[in-house]
Amino acid sequence: MRVGFLSLDNSQDAWAIYDGLLVEPFQRRGVVVDKAIPWRDYAKIDFSVYDVVVVRSTWDYQEDLDLFFRALTSIAGTEGVALENSLPTMRWNASKTYLRDLVRRRISIVPTAFVEVGAAAPDDGKTFTRPSDALRAALAVFDEVVVKPAVGASSFDTFRVARSALDEPFEFVEDRVVRELRGRDTTFGPTVKGGSTRFENMGDFVDAVFHYPSDSPRACLVQPYVPTIATEGEWSLFFFNGALSHAMRKVPKPGDFRVQEEFGATHTLVDPETLSTGIAACCEACIAAIAAQGLGTPLYARFDIVHVPAPILELATAGASSPFFCAGCDDANAGAFAVMEVELIEPSLYFNLVAAATETFCDAFLARHPLKPRA
């Protein structure tokens, strides 16, 4: 059996990529792995030589989502080739608007206001059509919020905004790490002229980041800033073929809110047996919800879970006019564990922290794609 791993084709030295740690355990099982196939070169590659193509470190896909799915559609359409995760699964997971589907199934998410326009935007009376409107509505409720793209990765174009700064002039300064990882500067909508980085207020800034108004606005989310991330961190649980493999806790560096290691966050392996039952319950409910969407069980999944304090939940759910989507919790006094994100396309699986996970992954893979007996 021959397997190909899709990866990005630039900035390899800037990223912490651990896919190569799977090569040797796969080889011991009789599987040959090509560990870094540039997804953007899909039209030049004969994918028919592979039995399975696994999407791994394609961490720049959000730069051209249409091209990415053209690549995946082409690969999935190659006779005799299986794609993991499945194409429908990755389409569902590409935009964080999937969080709505989780709420419909009573899975707690971080309270979220959505900004969308066009035919895809639901007429639910709660979805905003301009980022600055969602920002103002959220900051009327919370002291601080986080604005992030619906299609995005690695905390690119993700900003923490305080109520006190909403109407203050703002000058944007490019983040050095983001520039290095992304390979370009932040782009703004057509209302920003001459490369200016000065804005009259934060509302104008977020509109510019998400290209409002323009012919191609970007959907985004506004969520309350969850202060427990700075103290307790964010838990990531990793499931292979529906079974829990390992877990870790990610704590941002002091003064930051981003939990990626590229931004200085600390990642620590956690014994799954020591986790609160609420954390595992969130993940198991998500797996059931994914199956209920008709998507089956993914080969790999990472669930990012945070503890949302009760005061945040109370503010988010107060009154019928609340702009936030979020499911209730059983214990309003203690708050709730809630889903921050579900990663089914290209999550880092952190094999560097737990070597046994490479064995677990390979076994889960072969349970889905058994080796053919030799004639």
Protein backbone atom coordinates (compact mmCIF):
# COMPACT_ATOMS: atom_id res chain seq x y z
CA MET A 1 0.00 0.00 0.00
CA ARG A 2 1.18 3.51 -0.83
CA VAL A 3 -0.09 6.58 1.02
CA GLY A 4 0.45 10.25 0.29
CA PHE A 5 0.29 13.09 2.80
CA LEU A 6 -0.86 16.45 1.48
CA SER A 7 1.07 19.39 2.88
CA LEU A 8 1.78 23.04 2.18
CA ASP A 9 4.44 24.05 -0.29
CA ASN A 10 6.01 27.07 1.37
CA SER A 11 7.33 28.25 4.75
CA GLN A 12 8.19 24.68 5.72
CA ASP A 13 10.93 25.92 8.03
CA ALA A 14 8.56 28.28 9.86
CA TRP A 15 6.01 25.61 10.77
CA ALA A 16 6.22 22.85 13.35
CA ILE A 17 5.22 19.82 11.24
CA TYR A 18 5.31 16.31 12.70
CA ASP A 19 3.90 14.19 9.86
CA GLY A 20 7.30 12.60 9.24
CA LEU A 21 7.03 10.78 12.56
CA LEU A 22 4.41 8.50 10.96
CA VAL A 23 6.68 7.22 8.21
CA GLU A 24 8.58 4.58 10.19
CA PRO A 25 5.58 3.01 12.00
CA PHE A 26 3.74 2.85 8.68
CA GLN A 27 6.75 1.21 7.04
CA ARG A 28 6.80 -1.47 9.75
CA ARG A 29 3.22 -2.27 8.77
CA GLY A 30 4.04 -2.55 5.10
CA VAL A 31 2.82 0.89 4.07
CA VAL A 32 4.96 3.27 2.00
CA VAL A 33 4.40 6.96 2.78
CA ASP A 34 5.19 10.07 0.75
CA LYS A 35 5.10 12.58 3.58
CA ALA A 36 4.94 16.00 1.91
CA ILE A 37 2.96 16.38 -1.31
CA PRO A 38 2.32 20.08 -2.10
CA TRP A 39 -1.43 20.37 -2.50
CA ARG A 40 -1.15 23.35 -4.83
CA ASP A 41 0.70 21.15 -7.33
CA TYR A 42 -2.17 18.68 -7.56
CA ALA A 43 -2.60 19.09 -11.33
CA LYS A 44 1.01 18.01 -11.89
CA ILE A 45 0.84 14.89 -9.72
CA ASP A 46 -0.32 11.41 -10.67
CA PHE A 47 -2.40 10.51 -7.63
CA SER A 48 -3.36 7.16 -9.13
CA VAL A 49 -0.12 5.76 -7.67
CA TYR A 50 -1.62 6.12 -4.18
CA ASP A 51 -4.16 3.94 -2.46
CA VAL A 52 -5.01 6.63 0.07
CA VAL A 53 -4.26 10.36 0.24
CA VAL A 54 -4.40 11.87 3.73
CA VAL A 55 -4.78 15.62 4.16
CA ARG A 56 -2.19 16.66 6.72
CA SER A 57 -0.34 19.97 6.96
CA THR A 58 -2.16 22.02 4.32
CA TRP A 59 -2.06 25.01 6.64
CA ASP A 60 -2.33 27.60 3.88
CA TYR A 61 -5.55 26.26 2.34
CA GLN A 62 -7.60 29.20 3.61
CA GLU A 63 -5.61 31.46 1.28
CA ASP A 64 -7.46 29.94 -1.68
CA LEU A 65 -10.35 27.79 -0.52
CA ASP A 66 -11.75 27.33 -4.03
CA LEU A 67 -8.43 26.01 -5.33
CA PHE A 68 -8.06 23.76 -2.29
CA PHE A 69 -11.40 22.09 -2.90
CA ARG A 70 -10.70 21.79 -6.61
CA ALA A 71 -7.57 19.89 -5.61
CA LEU A 72 -9.44 17.67 -3.16
CA THR A 73 -12.27 17.03 -5.63
CA SER A 74 -9.74 16.00 -8.27
CA ILE A 75 -7.97 13.65 -5.87
CA ALA A 76 -11.23 12.14 -4.59
CA GLY A 77 -12.30 11.58 -8.18
CA THR A 78 -9.19 9.59 -9.05
CA GLU A 79 -10.13 5.96 -9.58
CA GLY A 80 -8.94 3.66 -6.82
CA VAL A 81 -7.87 6.47 -4.48
CA ALA A 82 -9.46 7.11 -1.08
CA LEU A 83 -9.29 10.57 0.50
CA GLU A 84 -9.04 11.08 4.27
CA ASN A 85 -10.82 12.75 5.78
CA SER A 86 -13.67 12.45 3.29
CA LEU A 87 -14.44 15.30 0.93
CA PRO A 88 -17.95 15.91 2.40
CA THR A 89 -16.47 15.97 5.91
CA MET A 90 -13.91 18.59 4.96
CA ARG A 91 -16.47 20.72 3.12
CA TRP A 92 -18.64 20.77 6.23
CA ASN A 93 -15.67 21.65 8.44
CA ALA A 94 -14.10 24.32 6.21
CA SER A 95 -16.17 27.16 7.65
CA LYS A 96 -16.69 27.64 11.37
CA THR A 97 -20.37 28.12 10.63
CA TYR A 98 -20.52 24.36 11.36
CA LEU A 99 -20.80 25.53 14.98
CA ARG A 100 -24.47 26.25 14.28
CA ASP A 101 -25.01 22.56 13.55
CA LEU A 102 -23.49 21.66 16.91
CA VAL A 103 -25.78 24.08 18.74
CA ARG A 104 -28.81 22.53 17.02
CA ARG A 105 -27.76 19.26 18.63
CA ARG A 106 -27.46 20.93 22.05
CA ILE A 107 -23.66 20.86 22.12
CA SER A 108 -22.21 23.79 24.04
CA ILE A 109 -20.03 26.12 21.98
CA VAL A 110 -18.29 29.33 22.93
CA PRO A 111 -21.04 31.96 22.44
CA THR A 112 -20.77 33.06 18.82
CA ALA A 113 -22.22 35.79 16.64
CA PHE A 114 -21.93 35.10 12.92
CA VAL A 115 -21.32 37.57 10.10
CA GLU A 116 -22.30 36.39 6.62
CA VAL A 117 -23.67 37.82 3.40
CA GLY A 118 -24.97 36.35 0.18
CA ALA A 119 -27.00 33.27 -0.60
CA ALA A 120 -25.26 31.19 2.07
CA ALA A 121 -26.28 33.50 4.91
CA PRO A 122 -29.27 32.13 6.86
CA ASP A 123 -32.31 34.31 7.39
CA ASP A 124 -32.47 33.62 11.11
CA GLY A 125 -32.72 37.16 12.42
CA LYS A 126 -29.46 36.72 14.30
CA THR A 127 -26.80 36.62 11.59
CA PHE A 128 -25.09 39.96 10.99
CA THR A 129 -24.16 41.25 7.56
CA ARG A 130 -21.29 43.53 8.61
CA PRO A 131 -18.44 42.80 11.08
CA SER A 132 -18.58 46.21 12.75
CA ASP A 133 -22.27 45.73 13.56
CA ALA A 134 -21.57 42.37 15.19
CA LEU A 135 -18.60 43.87 17.03
CA ARG A 136 -20.68 46.69 18.48
CA ALA A 137 -23.49 44.35 19.47
CA ALA A 138 -21.05 42.02 21.22
CA LEU A 139 -19.22 44.80 23.03
CA ALA A 140 -22.55 46.10 24.29
CA VAL A 141 -22.69 42.82 26.23
CA PHE A 142 -19.04 41.95 26.96
CA ASP A 143 -15.98 43.96 27.98
CA GLU A 144 -13.77 42.12 25.49
CA VAL A 145 -14.38 40.01 22.41
CA VAL A 146 -12.41 38.10 19.80
CA VAL A 147 -13.05 38.51 16.08
CA LYS A 148 -11.93 35.71 13.78
CA PRO A 149 -12.51 34.57 10.19
CA ALA A 150 -15.02 31.80 9.52
CA VAL A 151 -12.48 30.25 7.17
CA GLY A 152 -9.09 30.52 8.74
CA ALA A 153 -6.26 28.83 10.57
CA SER A 154 -3.41 29.54 12.98
CA SER A 155 -5.13 32.62 14.45
CA PHE A 156 -4.49 34.62 11.28
CA ASP A 157 -6.73 37.73 11.11
CA THR A 158 -7.86 37.05 14.67
CA PHE A 159 -8.05 40.04 17.00
CA ARG A 160 -8.95 40.73 20.61
CA VAL A 161 -10.97 43.94 21.00
CA ALA A 162 -11.86 45.74 24.24
CA ARG A 163 -15.00 47.82 24.68
CA SER A 164 -12.85 50.74 25.81
CA ALA A 165 -10.99 50.71 22.47
CA LEU A 166 -14.02 50.39 20.20
CA ASP A 167 -14.27 54.06 19.20
CA GLU A 168 -10.61 54.96 19.56
CA PRO A 169 -8.34 55.58 16.54
CA PHE A 170 -6.40 52.43 15.71
CA GLU A 171 -3.14 51.86 13.87
CA PHE A 172 -2.53 48.30 12.72
CA VAL A 173 0.95 46.85 13.13
CA GLU A 174 1.74 43.66 11.23
CA ASP A 175 2.54 40.68 13.47
CA ARG A 176 6.02 39.44 12.56
CA VAL A 177 5.19 35.78 13.21
CA VAL A 178 1.99 35.94 11.15
CA ARG A 179 3.88 37.50 8.25
CA GLU A 180 6.53 34.78 8.42
CA LEU A 181 4.04 31.93 8.57
CA ARG A 182 1.63 33.30 5.99
CA GLY A 183 4.31 34.63 3.68
CA ARG A 184 2.56 37.94 3.10
CA ASP A 185 1.18 41.00 4.84
CA THR A 186 -2.45 41.35 5.91
CA THR A 187 -4.72 42.46 3.09
CA PHE A 188 -7.57 44.93 3.51
CA GLY A 189 -10.72 45.62 1.54
CA PRO A 190 -11.02 48.20 -1.26
CA THR A 191 -12.06 50.97 1.11
CA VAL A 192 -8.47 51.14 2.39
CA LYS A 193 -6.41 53.26 0.01
CA GLY A 194 -2.71 53.56 -0.48
CA GLY A 195 -1.71 50.85 1.94
CA SER A 196 -2.88 52.86 4.95
CA THR A 197 -2.85 51.10 8.34
CA ARG A 198 -4.62 53.89 10.27
CA PHE A 199 -8.31 53.55 11.06
CA GLU A 200 -10.78 55.89 12.73
CA ASN A 201 -11.98 53.14 15.06
CA MET A 202 -11.95 49.36 15.57
CA GLY A 203 -15.20 48.94 13.67
CA ASP A 204 -13.62 50.38 10.54
CA PHE A 205 -10.61 48.13 11.07
CA VAL A 206 -12.53 44.85 11.29
CA ASP A 207 -14.65 45.85 8.29
CA ALA A 208 -11.45 46.40 6.33
CA VAL A 209 -9.88 43.11 7.45
CA PHE A 210 -12.93 41.17 6.33
CA HIS A 211 -13.40 43.22 3.14
CA TYR A 212 -16.69 44.97 3.93
CA PRO A 213 -18.04 46.44 1.78
CA SER A 214 -16.75 44.72 -1.35
CA ASP A 215 -17.69 42.15 -3.97
CA SER A 216 -15.95 39.43 -1.94
CA PRO A 217 -16.58 39.95 1.79
CA ARG A 218 -15.26 37.33 4.18
CA ALA A 219 -17.52 35.68 6.73
CA CYS A 220 -16.37 36.02 10.32
CA LEU A 221 -17.28 35.28 13.93
CA VAL A 222 -17.40 37.40 17.06
CA GLN A 223 -17.05 35.65 20.41
CA PRO A 224 -16.56 36.86 23.98
CA TYR A 225 -12.98 36.72 25.16
CA VAL A 226 -12.81 33.74 27.52
CA PRO A 227 -10.36 34.70 30.31
CA THR A 228 -9.93 31.13 31.52
CA ILE A 229 -7.86 30.44 28.40
CA ALA A 230 -5.08 32.55 29.91
CA THR A 231 -5.12 30.58 33.18
CA GLU A 232 -6.54 27.12 32.56
CA GLY A 233 -5.69 27.02 28.88
CA GLU A 234 -7.46 25.18 26.08
CA TRP A 235 -7.75 21.40 25.95
CA SER A 236 -7.24 19.54 22.69
CA LEU A 237 -8.41 15.95 22.44
CA PHE A 238 -7.36 13.77 19.51
CA PHE A 239 -9.53 10.98 18.17
CA PHE A 240 -8.51 8.41 15.55
CA ASN A 241 -11.36 6.50 13.93
CA GLY A 242 -13.67 7.63 16.72
CA ALA A 243 -11.45 6.52 19.63
CA LEU A 244 -9.61 8.88 21.97
CA SER A 245 -5.85 8.72 21.41
CA HIS A 246 -4.32 11.51 23.51
CA ALA A 247 -4.96 14.93 25.00
CA MET A 248 -3.02 18.10 25.64
CA ARG A 249 -3.40 21.46 27.31
CA LYS A 250 -2.38 24.64 25.50
CA VAL A 251 -1.72 27.82 27.45
CA PRO A 252 -0.85 31.09 25.68
CA LYS A 253 2.23 33.02 26.64
CA PRO A 254 1.59 35.85 29.13
CA GLY A 255 -0.24 38.76 27.53
CA ASP A 256 -1.37 36.76 24.49
CA PHE A 257 -4.56 34.80 23.79
CA ARG A 258 -3.37 32.60 20.93
CA VAL A 259 -2.60 28.97 21.82
CA GLN A 260 -0.45 27.97 18.84
CA GLU A 261 3.15 27.08 19.62
CA GLU A 262 4.33 29.41 16.86
CA PHE A 263 3.10 32.29 19.05
CA GLY A 264 4.94 31.08 22.14
CA ALA A 265 2.17 29.03 23.76
CA THR A 266 3.05 26.15 26.07
CA HIS A 267 1.75 22.71 25.13
CA THR A 268 1.64 19.95 27.73
CA LEU A 269 0.53 16.35 27.37
CA VAL A 270 -2.38 15.47 29.66
CA ASP A 271 -3.47 12.04 30.88
CA PRO A 272 -7.00 11.65 29.45
CA GLU A 273 -8.02 9.83 32.61
CA THR A 274 -7.50 13.02 34.61
CA LEU A 275 -9.73 15.21 32.45
CA SER A 276 -13.09 16.45 33.62
CA THR A 277 -15.93 14.33 32.30
CA GLY A 278 -17.37 17.51 30.79
CA ILE A 279 -14.41 17.82 28.42
CA ALA A 280 -14.68 14.27 27.12
CA ALA A 281 -18.48 14.58 26.91
CA CYS A 282 -18.17 17.58 24.58
CA CYS A 283 -15.92 15.61 22.25
CA GLU A 284 -18.05 12.48 22.24
CA ALA A 285 -21.15 14.56 21.50
CA CYS A 286 -19.31 16.14 18.57
CA ILE A 287 -18.41 12.74 17.13
CA ALA A 288 -22.07 11.75 17.31
CA ALA A 289 -23.08 15.06 15.69
CA ILE A 290 -20.64 14.55 12.83
CA ALA A 291 -22.13 11.13 12.16
CA ALA A 292 -25.64 12.59 12.39
CA GLN A 293 -24.66 15.01 9.62
CA GLY A 294 -24.26 11.93 7.41
CA LEU A 295 -20.47 12.23 7.46
CA GLY A 296 -19.60 9.02 9.25
CA THR A 297 -16.62 8.75 11.59
CA PRO A 298 -13.52 10.74 10.57
CA LEU A 299 -10.10 9.07 10.49
CA TYR A 300 -8.71 11.92 12.57
CA ALA A 301 -10.34 14.66 14.59
CA ARG A 302 -9.16 17.25 17.06
CA PHE A 303 -11.59 18.96 19.41
CA ASP A 304 -10.55 22.19 21.13
CA ILE A 305 -12.45 22.68 24.39
CA VAL A 306 -12.48 25.60 26.83
CA HIS A 307 -14.09 26.33 30.17
CA VAL A 308 -16.62 29.14 29.75
CA PRO A 309 -17.37 30.78 33.13
CA ALA A 310 -20.99 31.11 34.18
CA PRO A 311 -21.09 34.95 33.93
CA ILE A 312 -20.20 34.77 30.24
CA LEU A 313 -22.92 32.22 29.55
CA GLU A 314 -25.46 34.25 31.50
CA LEU A 315 -24.69 37.40 29.50
CA ALA A 316 -24.72 35.52 26.19
CA THR A 317 -28.11 33.95 26.77
CA ALA A 318 -29.88 36.87 28.47
CA GLY A 319 -33.06 37.78 26.65
CA ALA A 320 -34.57 36.65 23.38
CA SER A 321 -32.66 39.37 21.54
CA SER A 322 -29.23 37.89 22.34
CA PRO A 323 -27.15 37.84 19.15
CA PHE A 324 -25.22 34.76 20.25
CA PHE A 325 -25.60 31.14 19.32
CA CYS A 326 -24.69 28.84 22.21
CA ALA A 327 -26.14 25.79 23.85
CA GLY A 328 -27.08 25.79 27.51
CA CYS A 329 -25.23 23.92 30.22
CA ASP A 330 -26.38 21.71 33.06
CA ASP A 331 -24.73 23.74 35.81
CA ALA A 332 -25.13 27.47 35.24
CA ASN A 333 -23.32 28.23 38.49
CA ALA A 334 -20.11 26.52 37.43
CA GLY A 335 -20.18 27.47 33.78
CA ALA A 336 -19.60 24.89 31.09
CA PHE A 337 -17.02 23.22 28.96
CA ALA A 338 -17.66 24.31 25.42
CA VAL A 339 -16.36 23.64 21.94
CA MET A 340 -14.06 26.31 20.56
CA GLU A 341 -13.34 24.47 17.31
CA VAL A 342 -13.64 21.10 15.62
CA GLU A 343 -10.65 20.34 13.39
CA LEU A 344 -11.28 17.75 10.66
CA ILE A 345 -9.15 19.04 7.78
CA GLU A 346 -5.53 19.62 8.79
CA PRO A 347 -5.13 19.66 12.56
CA SER A 348 -1.67 19.27 13.97
CA LEU A 349 -1.79 15.95 15.82
CA TYR A 350 1.32 16.63 17.96
CA PHE A 351 2.99 13.28 17.49
CA ASN A 352 6.11 14.93 18.94
CA LEU A 353 4.52 14.88 22.39
CA VAL A 354 3.36 11.27 22.45
CA ALA A 355 5.21 8.71 20.37
CA ALA A 356 2.58 6.03 21.03
CA ALA A 357 0.05 8.10 19.10
CA THR A 358 1.87 7.32 15.86
CA GLU A 359 1.18 3.63 16.47
CA THR A 360 -2.45 4.35 17.34
CA PHE A 361 -2.91 6.41 14.20
CA CYS A 362 -1.43 3.71 11.96
CA ASP A 363 -3.64 1.03 13.53
CA ALA A 364 -6.73 3.23 13.13
CA PHE A 365 -5.78 3.88 9.51
CA LEU A 366 -5.36 0.18 8.72
CA ALA A 367 -8.67 -0.62 10.39
CA ARG A 368 -10.25 1.54 7.68
CA HIS A 369 -7.88 0.59 4.85
CA PRO A 370 -6.69 -2.98 5.42
CA LEU A 371 -3.64 -4.24 3.57
CA LYS A 372 -4.55 -6.50 0.70
CA PRO A 373 -3.21 -10.06 1.09
CA ARG A 374 -0.42 -10.92 -1.28
CA ALA A 375 -1.29 -13.31 -4.04
